[in-house]
N, C-alpha and C. Protein backbone atom coordinates (compact mmCIF):
# COMPACT_ATOMS: atom_id res chain seq x y z
N MET A 1 0.83 -1.20 0.00
CA MET A 1 0.00 0.00 0.00
C MET A 1 0.87 1.25 0.00
N ILE A 2 0.39 2.28 -0.63
CA ILE A 2 1.17 3.51 -0.83
C ILE A 2 0.42 4.69 -0.22
N PRO A 3 1.08 5.45 0.66
CA PRO A 3 0.40 6.60 1.25
C PRO A 3 0.16 7.71 0.23
N LEU A 4 -1.04 8.28 0.30
CA LEU A 4 -1.38 9.45 -0.50
C LEU A 4 -1.87 10.52 0.48
N ASP A 5 -1.00 11.47 0.77
CA ASP A 5 -1.34 12.56 1.68
C ASP A 5 -1.91 13.71 0.87
N ILE A 6 -3.08 14.19 1.27
CA ILE A 6 -3.74 15.27 0.54
C ILE A 6 -3.89 16.47 1.46
N PHE A 7 -3.20 17.55 1.11
CA PHE A 7 -3.32 18.80 1.84
C PHE A 7 -4.45 19.60 1.19
N ALA A 8 -5.47 19.88 1.98
CA ALA A 8 -6.69 20.46 1.41
C ALA A 8 -7.43 21.29 2.45
N ASP A 9 -8.32 22.13 1.95
CA ASP A 9 -9.19 22.93 2.79
C ASP A 9 -10.59 22.84 2.18
N PRO A 10 -11.60 22.43 2.95
CA PRO A 10 -12.93 22.25 2.35
C PRO A 10 -13.56 23.51 1.78
N VAL A 11 -13.03 24.71 2.09
CA VAL A 11 -13.60 25.93 1.49
C VAL A 11 -12.93 26.27 0.16
N CYS A 12 -12.00 25.43 -0.29
CA CYS A 12 -11.37 25.65 -1.59
C CYS A 12 -12.16 24.89 -2.66
N PRO A 13 -12.71 25.58 -3.66
CA PRO A 13 -13.49 24.89 -4.69
C PRO A 13 -12.67 23.89 -5.49
N TRP A 14 -11.38 24.17 -5.65
CA TRP A 14 -10.52 23.24 -6.39
C TRP A 14 -10.32 21.94 -5.61
N CYS A 15 -10.47 21.99 -4.29
CA CYS A 15 -10.39 20.77 -3.50
C CYS A 15 -11.61 19.89 -3.75
N LEU A 16 -12.78 20.51 -3.90
CA LEU A 16 -13.99 19.76 -4.26
C LEU A 16 -13.79 19.08 -5.62
N ILE A 17 -13.33 19.85 -6.60
CA ILE A 17 -13.13 19.30 -7.95
C ILE A 17 -12.02 18.25 -7.94
N GLY A 18 -10.93 18.54 -7.23
CA GLY A 18 -9.82 17.60 -7.17
C GLY A 18 -10.22 16.28 -6.53
N LYS A 19 -11.01 16.34 -5.48
CA LYS A 19 -11.46 15.11 -4.82
C LYS A 19 -12.39 14.33 -5.73
N ALA A 20 -13.30 15.03 -6.40
CA ALA A 20 -14.23 14.35 -7.31
C ALA A 20 -13.48 13.63 -8.43
N ARG A 21 -12.46 14.28 -8.96
CA ARG A 21 -11.68 13.66 -10.04
C ARG A 21 -10.90 12.46 -9.52
N LEU A 22 -10.29 12.59 -8.35
CA LEU A 22 -9.57 11.47 -7.76
C LEU A 22 -10.52 10.33 -7.45
N ASP A 23 -11.69 10.64 -6.88
CA ASP A 23 -12.67 9.61 -6.56
C ASP A 23 -13.07 8.83 -7.81
N ASN A 24 -13.23 9.52 -8.93
CA ASN A 24 -13.58 8.84 -10.18
C ASN A 24 -12.50 7.84 -10.58
N ALA A 25 -11.25 8.23 -10.37
CA ALA A 25 -10.14 7.33 -10.69
C ALA A 25 -10.13 6.12 -9.75
N LEU A 26 -10.42 6.36 -8.48
CA LEU A 26 -10.42 5.26 -7.51
C LEU A 26 -11.55 4.28 -7.81
N VAL A 27 -12.68 4.78 -8.29
CA VAL A 27 -13.79 3.91 -8.68
C VAL A 27 -13.40 3.09 -9.91
N ALA A 28 -12.69 3.75 -10.84
CA ALA A 28 -12.26 3.06 -12.07
C ALA A 28 -11.18 2.03 -11.79
N ARG A 29 -10.44 2.22 -10.71
CA ARG A 29 -9.37 1.30 -10.35
C ARG A 29 -9.56 0.88 -8.89
N PRO A 30 -10.54 0.02 -8.62
CA PRO A 30 -10.86 -0.35 -7.24
C PRO A 30 -9.72 -1.06 -6.52
N GLY A 31 -8.77 -1.59 -7.28
CA GLY A 31 -7.62 -2.25 -6.66
C GLY A 31 -6.44 -1.31 -6.45
N HIS A 32 -6.70 -0.02 -6.43
CA HIS A 32 -5.63 0.97 -6.28
C HIS A 32 -4.84 0.74 -4.98
N PRO A 33 -3.57 1.17 -4.96
CA PRO A 33 -2.74 0.90 -3.78
C PRO A 33 -2.76 2.00 -2.73
N PHE A 34 -3.58 3.04 -2.90
CA PHE A 34 -3.48 4.22 -2.04
C PHE A 34 -4.11 4.02 -0.66
N VAL A 35 -3.40 4.52 0.33
CA VAL A 35 -3.97 4.73 1.67
C VAL A 35 -4.03 6.24 1.83
N ILE A 36 -5.23 6.80 1.82
CA ILE A 36 -5.41 8.25 1.76
C ILE A 36 -5.50 8.87 3.14
N SER A 37 -4.77 9.97 3.31
CA SER A 37 -4.82 10.72 4.56
C SER A 37 -4.98 12.20 4.23
N TRP A 38 -6.04 12.81 4.77
CA TRP A 38 -6.29 14.23 4.54
C TRP A 38 -5.53 15.04 5.58
N GLN A 39 -4.75 16.01 5.11
CA GLN A 39 -3.89 16.81 5.98
C GLN A 39 -4.38 18.26 6.04
N PRO A 40 -4.24 18.90 7.19
CA PRO A 40 -4.77 20.26 7.35
C PRO A 40 -3.93 21.32 6.65
N PHE A 41 -4.64 22.24 6.00
CA PHE A 41 -3.97 23.39 5.39
C PHE A 41 -5.02 24.47 5.21
N GLN A 42 -4.99 25.47 6.08
CA GLN A 42 -5.98 26.54 5.99
C GLN A 42 -5.67 27.47 4.82
N LEU A 43 -6.63 27.59 3.93
CA LEU A 43 -6.48 28.47 2.78
C LEU A 43 -6.36 29.92 3.24
N ASN A 44 -7.07 30.24 4.31
CA ASN A 44 -7.07 31.61 4.84
C ASN A 44 -6.74 31.58 6.33
N PRO A 45 -5.46 31.40 6.68
CA PRO A 45 -5.10 31.24 8.10
C PRO A 45 -5.39 32.46 8.96
N THR A 46 -5.54 33.63 8.35
CA THR A 46 -5.82 34.83 9.12
C THR A 46 -7.32 35.17 9.16
N MET A 47 -8.15 34.27 8.64
CA MET A 47 -9.60 34.50 8.66
C MET A 47 -10.08 34.67 10.10
N PRO A 48 -10.88 35.70 10.38
CA PRO A 48 -11.43 35.85 11.74
C PRO A 48 -12.19 34.60 12.17
N THR A 49 -12.18 34.33 13.46
CA THR A 49 -12.85 33.14 13.98
C THR A 49 -14.30 33.07 13.53
N GLU A 50 -14.97 34.23 13.48
CA GLU A 50 -16.38 34.26 13.10
C GLU A 50 -16.58 34.23 11.59
N GLY A 51 -15.49 34.25 10.81
CA GLY A 51 -15.61 34.26 9.37
C GLY A 51 -16.00 35.63 8.85
N MET A 52 -16.44 35.67 7.60
CA MET A 52 -16.85 36.94 7.00
C MET A 52 -17.77 36.68 5.82
N SER A 53 -18.33 37.74 5.29
CA SER A 53 -19.20 37.63 4.13
C SER A 53 -18.42 37.06 2.94
N ARG A 54 -19.00 36.10 2.26
CA ARG A 54 -18.36 35.51 1.08
C ARG A 54 -18.13 36.57 0.00
N ALA A 55 -19.09 37.45 -0.19
CA ALA A 55 -18.97 38.49 -1.21
C ALA A 55 -17.81 39.42 -0.88
N ASP A 56 -17.68 39.81 0.38
CA ASP A 56 -16.58 40.69 0.79
C ASP A 56 -15.23 39.99 0.62
N TYR A 57 -15.21 38.71 0.95
CA TYR A 57 -13.98 37.93 0.83
C TYR A 57 -13.52 37.86 -0.63
N LEU A 58 -14.44 37.54 -1.52
CA LEU A 58 -14.09 37.43 -2.94
C LEU A 58 -13.65 38.78 -3.50
N GLN A 59 -14.34 39.84 -3.11
CA GLN A 59 -13.99 41.17 -3.58
C GLN A 59 -12.57 41.54 -3.16
N ALA A 60 -12.25 41.24 -1.90
CA ALA A 60 -10.93 41.59 -1.37
C ALA A 60 -9.82 40.74 -1.99
N LYS A 61 -10.11 39.48 -2.26
CA LYS A 61 -9.06 38.58 -2.74
C LYS A 61 -8.87 38.62 -4.25
N PHE A 62 -9.97 38.73 -4.99
CA PHE A 62 -9.88 38.61 -6.45
C PHE A 62 -10.34 39.85 -7.21
N GLY A 63 -11.05 40.75 -6.53
CA GLY A 63 -11.68 41.86 -7.25
C GLY A 63 -12.94 41.36 -7.92
N GLN A 64 -13.80 42.25 -8.34
CA GLN A 64 -15.09 41.85 -8.91
C GLN A 64 -14.92 41.04 -10.19
N ASP A 65 -14.09 41.51 -11.11
CA ASP A 65 -13.91 40.80 -12.37
C ASP A 65 -13.28 39.43 -12.16
N GLY A 66 -12.26 39.37 -11.29
CA GLY A 66 -11.58 38.11 -11.03
C GLY A 66 -12.50 37.09 -10.40
N ALA A 67 -13.34 37.54 -9.49
CA ALA A 67 -14.27 36.64 -8.82
C ALA A 67 -15.29 36.07 -9.81
N VAL A 68 -15.79 36.92 -10.69
CA VAL A 68 -16.77 36.47 -11.68
C VAL A 68 -16.14 35.46 -12.64
N LYS A 69 -14.93 35.74 -13.11
CA LYS A 69 -14.25 34.83 -14.03
C LYS A 69 -14.01 33.47 -13.39
N MET A 70 -13.56 33.48 -12.13
CA MET A 70 -13.31 32.22 -11.44
C MET A 70 -14.61 31.44 -11.25
N HIS A 71 -15.67 32.15 -10.89
CA HIS A 71 -16.98 31.53 -10.68
C HIS A 71 -17.45 30.83 -11.96
N VAL A 72 -17.34 31.52 -13.08
CA VAL A 72 -17.76 30.95 -14.37
C VAL A 72 -16.90 29.73 -14.73
N GLN A 73 -15.59 29.86 -14.54
CA GLN A 73 -14.68 28.76 -14.87
C GLN A 73 -15.02 27.52 -14.05
N LEU A 74 -15.21 27.69 -12.76
CA LEU A 74 -15.51 26.56 -11.88
C LEU A 74 -16.84 25.91 -12.25
N LEU A 75 -17.84 26.72 -12.53
CA LEU A 75 -19.14 26.18 -12.90
C LEU A 75 -19.06 25.38 -14.21
N GLU A 76 -18.29 25.89 -15.16
CA GLU A 76 -18.14 25.19 -16.45
C GLU A 76 -17.47 23.84 -16.25
N ILE A 77 -16.41 23.81 -15.42
CA ILE A 77 -15.71 22.54 -15.17
C ILE A 77 -16.64 21.57 -14.46
N ALA A 78 -17.32 22.04 -13.42
CA ALA A 78 -18.21 21.16 -12.65
C ALA A 78 -19.32 20.60 -13.53
N GLN A 79 -19.90 21.44 -14.37
CA GLN A 79 -20.98 20.99 -15.24
C GLN A 79 -20.47 19.97 -16.25
N ALA A 80 -19.29 20.22 -16.82
CA ALA A 80 -18.73 19.32 -17.82
C ALA A 80 -18.41 17.95 -17.24
N GLU A 81 -18.05 17.92 -15.97
CA GLU A 81 -17.64 16.66 -15.35
C GLU A 81 -18.70 16.05 -14.45
N GLY A 82 -19.89 16.67 -14.43
CA GLY A 82 -20.98 16.12 -13.65
C GLY A 82 -20.78 16.22 -12.15
N ILE A 83 -20.09 17.28 -11.71
CA ILE A 83 -19.83 17.48 -10.29
C ILE A 83 -20.92 18.38 -9.71
N ASP A 84 -21.56 17.92 -8.65
CA ASP A 84 -22.60 18.70 -7.99
C ASP A 84 -21.95 19.86 -7.24
N PHE A 85 -22.26 21.08 -7.65
CA PHE A 85 -21.52 22.25 -7.17
C PHE A 85 -22.45 23.47 -7.20
N HIS A 86 -22.65 24.08 -6.05
CA HIS A 86 -23.58 25.21 -5.97
C HIS A 86 -22.95 26.38 -5.21
N PRO A 87 -21.94 27.03 -5.78
CA PRO A 87 -21.28 28.13 -5.08
C PRO A 87 -22.20 29.31 -4.79
N GLU A 88 -23.29 29.41 -5.54
CA GLU A 88 -24.21 30.53 -5.31
C GLU A 88 -24.90 30.41 -3.95
N ARG A 89 -24.87 29.23 -3.35
CA ARG A 89 -25.48 29.03 -2.04
C ARG A 89 -24.55 29.44 -0.89
N VAL A 90 -23.30 29.68 -1.21
CA VAL A 90 -22.32 30.03 -0.17
C VAL A 90 -22.35 31.54 0.06
N THR A 91 -22.83 31.94 1.22
CA THR A 91 -22.89 33.37 1.56
C THR A 91 -21.90 33.75 2.65
N HIS A 92 -21.33 32.73 3.30
CA HIS A 92 -20.44 32.96 4.43
C HIS A 92 -19.10 32.27 4.18
N GLN A 93 -18.00 33.00 4.39
CA GLN A 93 -16.66 32.42 4.28
C GLN A 93 -16.19 32.09 5.70
N PRO A 94 -16.13 30.81 6.06
CA PRO A 94 -15.84 30.46 7.45
C PRO A 94 -14.35 30.30 7.74
N ASN A 95 -14.02 30.38 9.00
CA ASN A 95 -12.72 29.94 9.48
C ASN A 95 -12.79 28.41 9.58
N THR A 96 -11.81 27.71 9.03
CA THR A 96 -11.90 26.24 8.96
C THR A 96 -11.04 25.53 10.00
N ARG A 97 -10.59 26.25 10.99
CA ARG A 97 -9.75 25.61 12.02
C ARG A 97 -10.45 24.41 12.66
N ASP A 98 -11.71 24.58 13.05
CA ASP A 98 -12.42 23.48 13.71
C ASP A 98 -12.76 22.37 12.73
N ALA A 99 -13.00 22.71 11.48
CA ALA A 99 -13.24 21.67 10.48
C ALA A 99 -12.00 20.79 10.33
N HIS A 100 -10.82 21.41 10.41
CA HIS A 100 -9.59 20.63 10.33
C HIS A 100 -9.37 19.80 11.58
N ARG A 101 -9.80 20.31 12.73
CA ARG A 101 -9.72 19.48 13.94
C ARG A 101 -10.61 18.25 13.79
N LEU A 102 -11.82 18.45 13.26
CA LEU A 102 -12.71 17.31 13.05
C LEU A 102 -12.10 16.30 12.09
N LEU A 103 -11.49 16.78 11.02
CA LEU A 103 -10.83 15.86 10.08
C LEU A 103 -9.70 15.09 10.74
N TYR A 104 -8.96 15.75 11.61
CA TYR A 104 -7.88 15.08 12.33
C TYR A 104 -8.43 13.96 13.22
N TRP A 105 -9.49 14.27 13.97
CA TRP A 105 -10.10 13.23 14.82
C TRP A 105 -10.71 12.12 13.97
N ALA A 106 -11.26 12.49 12.83
CA ALA A 106 -11.82 11.47 11.94
C ALA A 106 -10.74 10.51 11.46
N GLY A 107 -9.52 11.04 11.27
CA GLY A 107 -8.42 10.18 10.86
C GLY A 107 -8.12 9.11 11.89
N ILE A 108 -8.24 9.45 13.16
CA ILE A 108 -8.00 8.49 14.23
C ILE A 108 -9.05 7.38 14.19
N GLU A 109 -10.26 7.73 13.76
CA GLU A 109 -11.36 6.77 13.72
C GLU A 109 -11.62 6.21 12.32
N HIS A 110 -10.68 6.43 11.40
CA HIS A 110 -10.78 5.90 10.03
C HIS A 110 -12.07 6.36 9.34
N ALA A 111 -12.40 7.63 9.56
CA ALA A 111 -13.63 8.17 8.95
C ALA A 111 -13.34 9.43 8.14
N GLN A 112 -12.08 9.64 7.77
CA GLN A 112 -11.72 10.89 7.10
C GLN A 112 -12.41 11.08 5.76
N GLY A 113 -12.50 10.03 4.97
CA GLY A 113 -13.10 10.16 3.65
C GLY A 113 -14.54 10.66 3.73
N ALA A 114 -15.30 10.06 4.64
CA ALA A 114 -16.71 10.45 4.79
C ALA A 114 -16.82 11.87 5.33
N VAL A 115 -15.96 12.23 6.27
CA VAL A 115 -16.03 13.56 6.87
C VAL A 115 -15.62 14.63 5.87
N MET A 116 -14.57 14.38 5.10
CA MET A 116 -14.15 15.38 4.11
C MET A 116 -15.23 15.58 3.06
N GLU A 117 -15.83 14.50 2.60
CA GLU A 117 -16.90 14.61 1.61
C GLU A 117 -18.07 15.40 2.19
N ALA A 118 -18.39 15.15 3.45
CA ALA A 118 -19.51 15.85 4.09
C ALA A 118 -19.21 17.33 4.29
N LEU A 119 -17.98 17.65 4.63
CA LEU A 119 -17.59 19.06 4.79
C LEU A 119 -17.69 19.80 3.45
N LEU A 120 -17.18 19.19 2.40
CA LEU A 120 -17.25 19.80 1.07
C LEU A 120 -18.70 19.97 0.63
N SER A 121 -19.50 18.95 0.88
CA SER A 121 -20.90 19.00 0.48
C SER A 121 -21.67 20.06 1.26
N ALA A 122 -21.42 20.11 2.57
CA ALA A 122 -22.12 21.09 3.40
C ALA A 122 -21.82 22.51 2.94
N HIS A 123 -20.56 22.75 2.61
CA HIS A 123 -20.16 24.10 2.21
C HIS A 123 -20.57 24.41 0.78
N TRP A 124 -20.20 23.56 -0.18
CA TRP A 124 -20.33 23.89 -1.60
C TRP A 124 -21.66 23.48 -2.22
N ARG A 125 -22.41 22.61 -1.55
CA ARG A 125 -23.69 22.19 -2.12
C ARG A 125 -24.88 22.70 -1.32
N GLU A 126 -24.66 22.86 0.00
CA GLU A 126 -25.76 23.26 0.86
C GLU A 126 -25.60 24.67 1.41
N GLY A 127 -24.42 25.25 1.26
CA GLY A 127 -24.20 26.60 1.76
C GLY A 127 -24.25 26.71 3.27
N ARG A 128 -23.88 25.64 3.97
CA ARG A 128 -23.91 25.64 5.43
C ARG A 128 -22.60 26.16 6.00
N ASP A 129 -22.63 26.59 7.24
CA ASP A 129 -21.46 27.15 7.90
C ASP A 129 -20.67 26.02 8.56
N ILE A 130 -19.53 25.64 7.98
CA ILE A 130 -18.76 24.53 8.52
C ILE A 130 -17.79 24.96 9.63
N SER A 131 -18.01 26.17 10.15
CA SER A 131 -17.33 26.54 11.39
C SER A 131 -18.28 26.38 12.58
N ASP A 132 -19.54 26.08 12.30
CA ASP A 132 -20.56 25.95 13.33
C ASP A 132 -20.45 24.59 14.02
N SER A 133 -20.37 24.59 15.33
CA SER A 133 -20.16 23.35 16.09
C SER A 133 -21.28 22.34 15.86
N ALA A 134 -22.53 22.82 15.80
CA ALA A 134 -23.66 21.91 15.59
C ALA A 134 -23.55 21.21 14.24
N THR A 135 -23.15 21.96 13.22
CA THR A 135 -22.97 21.37 11.89
C THR A 135 -21.86 20.33 11.90
N LEU A 136 -20.75 20.65 12.55
CA LEU A 136 -19.62 19.72 12.62
C LEU A 136 -19.99 18.45 13.40
N CYS A 137 -20.75 18.60 14.45
CA CYS A 137 -21.17 17.43 15.23
C CYS A 137 -22.11 16.55 14.42
N GLU A 138 -22.97 17.18 13.64
CA GLU A 138 -23.88 16.42 12.77
C GLU A 138 -23.08 15.63 11.74
N ILE A 139 -22.07 16.26 11.18
CA ILE A 139 -21.21 15.58 10.21
C ILE A 139 -20.47 14.42 10.88
N ALA A 140 -19.99 14.64 12.09
CA ALA A 140 -19.29 13.59 12.83
C ALA A 140 -20.20 12.39 13.06
N ARG A 141 -21.41 12.63 13.51
CA ARG A 141 -22.35 11.54 13.78
C ARG A 141 -22.67 10.75 12.51
N ALA A 142 -22.89 11.48 11.42
CA ALA A 142 -23.22 10.81 10.16
C ALA A 142 -22.08 9.92 9.67
N ALA A 143 -20.85 10.24 10.09
CA ALA A 143 -19.68 9.45 9.69
C ALA A 143 -19.37 8.33 10.69
N GLY A 144 -20.25 8.19 11.69
CA GLY A 144 -20.07 7.13 12.66
C GLY A 144 -19.24 7.50 13.88
N MET A 145 -18.94 8.79 14.03
CA MET A 145 -18.18 9.26 15.18
C MET A 145 -19.13 9.60 16.34
N ASP A 146 -18.55 9.81 17.50
CA ASP A 146 -19.31 10.16 18.70
C ASP A 146 -19.59 11.66 18.68
N GLY A 147 -20.83 12.03 18.43
CA GLY A 147 -21.18 13.44 18.31
C GLY A 147 -21.03 14.20 19.61
N ASP A 148 -21.36 13.55 20.73
CA ASP A 148 -21.25 14.22 22.03
C ASP A 148 -19.79 14.48 22.37
N LEU A 149 -18.95 13.50 22.11
CA LEU A 149 -17.52 13.67 22.35
C LEU A 149 -16.97 14.77 21.45
N THR A 150 -17.39 14.79 20.20
CA THR A 150 -16.95 15.82 19.26
C THR A 150 -17.32 17.20 19.77
N ALA A 151 -18.54 17.34 20.30
CA ALA A 151 -18.99 18.62 20.83
C ALA A 151 -18.11 19.07 21.99
N ARG A 152 -17.75 18.14 22.87
CA ARG A 152 -16.89 18.50 24.02
C ARG A 152 -15.50 18.90 23.55
N LEU A 153 -14.99 18.19 22.56
CA LEU A 153 -13.66 18.51 22.04
C LEU A 153 -13.66 19.87 21.34
N LEU A 154 -14.70 20.14 20.57
CA LEU A 154 -14.77 21.42 19.86
C LEU A 154 -14.87 22.59 20.83
N ALA A 155 -15.48 22.35 21.99
CA ALA A 155 -15.64 23.41 22.99
C ALA A 155 -14.35 23.65 23.78
N SER A 156 -13.36 22.79 23.54
CA SER A 156 -12.07 22.90 24.23
C SER A 156 -10.99 23.36 23.24
N ASP A 157 -9.76 23.39 23.72
CA ASP A 157 -8.61 23.72 22.86
C ASP A 157 -7.93 22.47 22.33
N ALA A 158 -8.59 21.33 22.40
CA ALA A 158 -7.98 20.06 22.02
C ALA A 158 -7.42 20.08 20.61
N ASP A 159 -6.14 19.76 20.52
CA ASP A 159 -5.44 19.57 19.24
C ASP A 159 -5.32 20.82 18.37
N LEU A 160 -5.58 21.99 18.94
CA LEU A 160 -5.32 23.22 18.18
C LEU A 160 -3.84 23.33 17.83
N ASP A 161 -2.99 23.00 18.79
CA ASP A 161 -1.55 23.04 18.55
C ASP A 161 -1.13 22.01 17.51
N THR A 162 -1.76 20.85 17.57
CA THR A 162 -1.44 19.79 16.60
C THR A 162 -1.72 20.25 15.18
N ILE A 163 -2.89 20.84 14.98
CA ILE A 163 -3.27 21.32 13.65
C ILE A 163 -2.33 22.43 13.19
N ALA A 164 -2.03 23.36 14.10
CA ALA A 164 -1.13 24.47 13.75
C ALA A 164 0.25 23.95 13.38
N ASN A 165 0.74 22.96 14.11
CA ASN A 165 2.07 22.41 13.84
C ASN A 165 2.10 21.65 12.52
N LYS A 166 1.04 20.92 12.23
CA LYS A 166 0.97 20.18 10.97
C LYS A 166 0.97 21.15 9.78
N GLU A 167 0.22 22.22 9.91
CA GLU A 167 0.16 23.19 8.83
C GLU A 167 1.49 23.92 8.68
N SER A 168 2.11 24.27 9.80
CA SER A 168 3.41 24.94 9.76
C SER A 168 4.45 24.05 9.09
N HIS A 169 4.42 22.78 9.42
CA HIS A 169 5.35 21.83 8.81
C HIS A 169 5.12 21.74 7.30
N ALA A 170 3.86 21.74 6.90
CA ALA A 170 3.54 21.68 5.47
C ALA A 170 4.10 22.89 4.74
N ARG A 171 3.93 24.07 5.32
CA ARG A 171 4.46 25.29 4.69
C ARG A 171 5.98 25.26 4.62
N GLN A 172 6.61 24.70 5.64
CA GLN A 172 8.07 24.58 5.65
C GLN A 172 8.54 23.63 4.55
N ARG A 173 7.72 22.68 4.20
CA ARG A 173 8.05 21.72 3.13
C ARG A 173 7.83 22.33 1.76
N GLY A 174 7.27 23.54 1.71
CA GLY A 174 7.08 24.22 0.44
C GLY A 174 5.67 24.18 -0.09
N ILE A 175 4.75 23.61 0.67
CA ILE A 175 3.35 23.59 0.23
C ILE A 175 2.76 24.97 0.45
N SER A 176 2.17 25.52 -0.58
CA SER A 176 1.63 26.88 -0.49
C SER A 176 0.22 27.01 -1.04
N ALA A 177 -0.32 25.92 -1.57
CA ALA A 177 -1.66 25.97 -2.17
C ALA A 177 -2.33 24.61 -2.02
N VAL A 178 -3.65 24.62 -2.16
CA VAL A 178 -4.40 23.38 -2.09
C VAL A 178 -5.29 23.23 -3.33
N PRO A 179 -5.56 21.97 -3.73
CA PRO A 179 -5.06 20.75 -3.12
C PRO A 179 -3.63 20.44 -3.56
N THR A 180 -2.87 19.86 -2.66
CA THR A 180 -1.54 19.33 -2.97
C THR A 180 -1.51 17.88 -2.52
N PHE A 181 -1.12 17.01 -3.44
CA PHE A 181 -1.08 15.57 -3.18
C PHE A 181 0.38 15.12 -3.09
N ILE A 182 0.69 14.33 -2.08
CA ILE A 182 2.04 13.77 -1.96
C ILE A 182 1.91 12.25 -2.01
N VAL A 183 2.49 11.67 -3.07
CA VAL A 183 2.42 10.23 -3.30
C VAL A 183 3.67 9.56 -2.75
N ALA A 184 3.46 8.56 -1.92
CA ALA A 184 4.57 7.78 -1.36
C ALA A 184 5.57 8.65 -0.62
N GLU A 185 5.08 9.74 -0.05
CA GLU A 185 5.89 10.64 0.78
C GLU A 185 6.99 11.36 0.02
N ARG A 186 6.96 11.32 -1.32
CA ARG A 186 8.04 11.98 -2.05
C ARG A 186 7.65 12.62 -3.38
N HIS A 187 6.58 12.17 -4.00
CA HIS A 187 6.18 12.75 -5.29
C HIS A 187 5.04 13.75 -5.07
N VAL A 188 5.25 14.99 -5.47
CA VAL A 188 4.27 16.05 -5.24
C VAL A 188 3.44 16.28 -6.51
N VAL A 189 2.13 16.25 -6.35
CA VAL A 189 1.21 16.53 -7.44
C VAL A 189 0.34 17.70 -6.98
N SER A 190 0.44 18.82 -7.67
CA SER A 190 -0.28 20.02 -7.24
C SER A 190 -1.51 20.27 -8.10
N GLY A 191 -2.57 20.73 -7.47
CA GLY A 191 -3.76 21.13 -8.20
C GLY A 191 -4.76 20.02 -8.42
N ALA A 192 -5.93 20.40 -8.93
CA ALA A 192 -7.03 19.47 -9.18
C ALA A 192 -6.79 18.74 -10.50
N GLN A 193 -5.97 17.70 -10.44
CA GLN A 193 -5.56 17.00 -11.66
C GLN A 193 -6.69 16.17 -12.25
N PRO A 194 -6.68 15.99 -13.58
CA PRO A 194 -7.74 15.23 -14.24
C PRO A 194 -7.78 13.77 -13.80
N THR A 195 -8.95 13.18 -13.92
CA THR A 195 -9.12 11.77 -13.56
C THR A 195 -8.15 10.88 -14.33
N ASP A 196 -7.97 11.18 -15.63
CA ASP A 196 -7.08 10.35 -16.46
C ASP A 196 -5.66 10.32 -15.92
N LEU A 197 -5.20 11.44 -15.37
CA LEU A 197 -3.85 11.45 -14.81
C LEU A 197 -3.75 10.52 -13.62
N TRP A 198 -4.77 10.54 -12.75
CA TRP A 198 -4.75 9.66 -11.58
C TRP A 198 -4.83 8.19 -11.99
N ILE A 199 -5.60 7.89 -13.02
CA ILE A 199 -5.67 6.51 -13.50
C ILE A 199 -4.29 6.07 -14.00
N LYS A 200 -3.61 6.97 -14.70
CA LYS A 200 -2.26 6.65 -15.19
C LYS A 200 -1.29 6.43 -14.04
N VAL A 201 -1.37 7.28 -13.01
CA VAL A 201 -0.50 7.13 -11.84
C VAL A 201 -0.77 5.79 -11.16
N ILE A 202 -2.04 5.45 -10.98
CA ILE A 202 -2.39 4.18 -10.32
C ILE A 202 -1.88 3.00 -11.14
N ASP A 203 -2.05 3.06 -12.45
CA ASP A 203 -1.59 1.96 -13.31
C ASP A 203 -0.08 1.81 -13.24
N GLU A 204 0.63 2.94 -13.23
CA GLU A 204 2.09 2.88 -13.15
C GLU A 204 2.55 2.32 -11.81
N LEU A 205 1.91 2.76 -10.74
CA LEU A 205 2.28 2.26 -9.42
C LEU A 205 1.94 0.78 -9.28
N SER A 206 0.82 0.38 -9.83
CA SER A 206 0.39 -1.02 -9.70
C SER A 206 1.28 -1.97 -10.48
N SER A 207 1.91 -1.45 -11.54
CA SER A 207 2.76 -2.32 -12.37
C SER A 207 4.24 -2.24 -11.98
N ALA A 208 4.58 -1.32 -11.07
CA ALA A 208 5.98 -1.15 -10.66
C ALA A 208 6.39 -2.28 -9.72
N PRO A 209 7.67 -2.68 -9.75
CA PRO A 209 8.15 -3.67 -8.78
C PRO A 209 7.96 -3.14 -7.37
N PRO A 210 7.65 -4.00 -6.41
CA PRO A 210 7.40 -3.55 -5.04
C PRO A 210 8.49 -2.66 -4.46
N GLU A 211 9.76 -3.00 -4.74
CA GLU A 211 10.85 -2.20 -4.17
C GLU A 211 10.89 -0.79 -4.73
N ALA A 212 10.32 -0.61 -5.93
CA ALA A 212 10.35 0.72 -6.55
C ALA A 212 9.41 1.70 -5.87
N THR A 213 8.44 1.17 -5.13
CA THR A 213 7.47 2.05 -4.48
C THR A 213 7.74 2.22 -2.99
N GLN A 214 8.84 1.64 -2.50
CA GLN A 214 9.09 1.67 -1.07
C GLN A 214 10.19 2.62 -0.67
N HIS A 215 10.93 3.14 -1.61
CA HIS A 215 12.04 4.05 -1.29
C HIS A 215 11.55 5.46 -1.07
């Protein structure tokens, strides 16, 4: 088995598209060798705890024209690839620190895939606030986690340092954008790569001698 570490933030639309494309490849190659681990990387580390208006955020980051162009591009890609995507429902840009804490705890309980999908769906399809504790607890329960325990942890400072240290380490390694994929702890794949590329990577890894994938 080969580790695939994915540095992502559920408020990044390219992470939604990147995951959908990777998922398509994994379905096409059910015998894939990947062991997937979602790693924390806040797209907006200075975002206020309470978040801010999505419109204000886009205006400040991209300008009006840039935001419109990006919106159109993303919608065209999602429509062409059959990805369920409703950015018009997103009115709030949240701080994702607690969402990353939930993902970290989900990793301990082998529920990361379900939790990441639910976070992306809540934000990009339902327009829900994924910084809200009640929303995060609902996502945890749906993934088979203990919702009451999650609520207690979210109300505390549990693992805030862990998340901060993981993100700091990622930045020190040169990661500056999401999604970033690291295959076998050494090969870096940046951006929302097409499904065909992932199928090619899986086929190459599956046909390589075992020793070639262990170094």
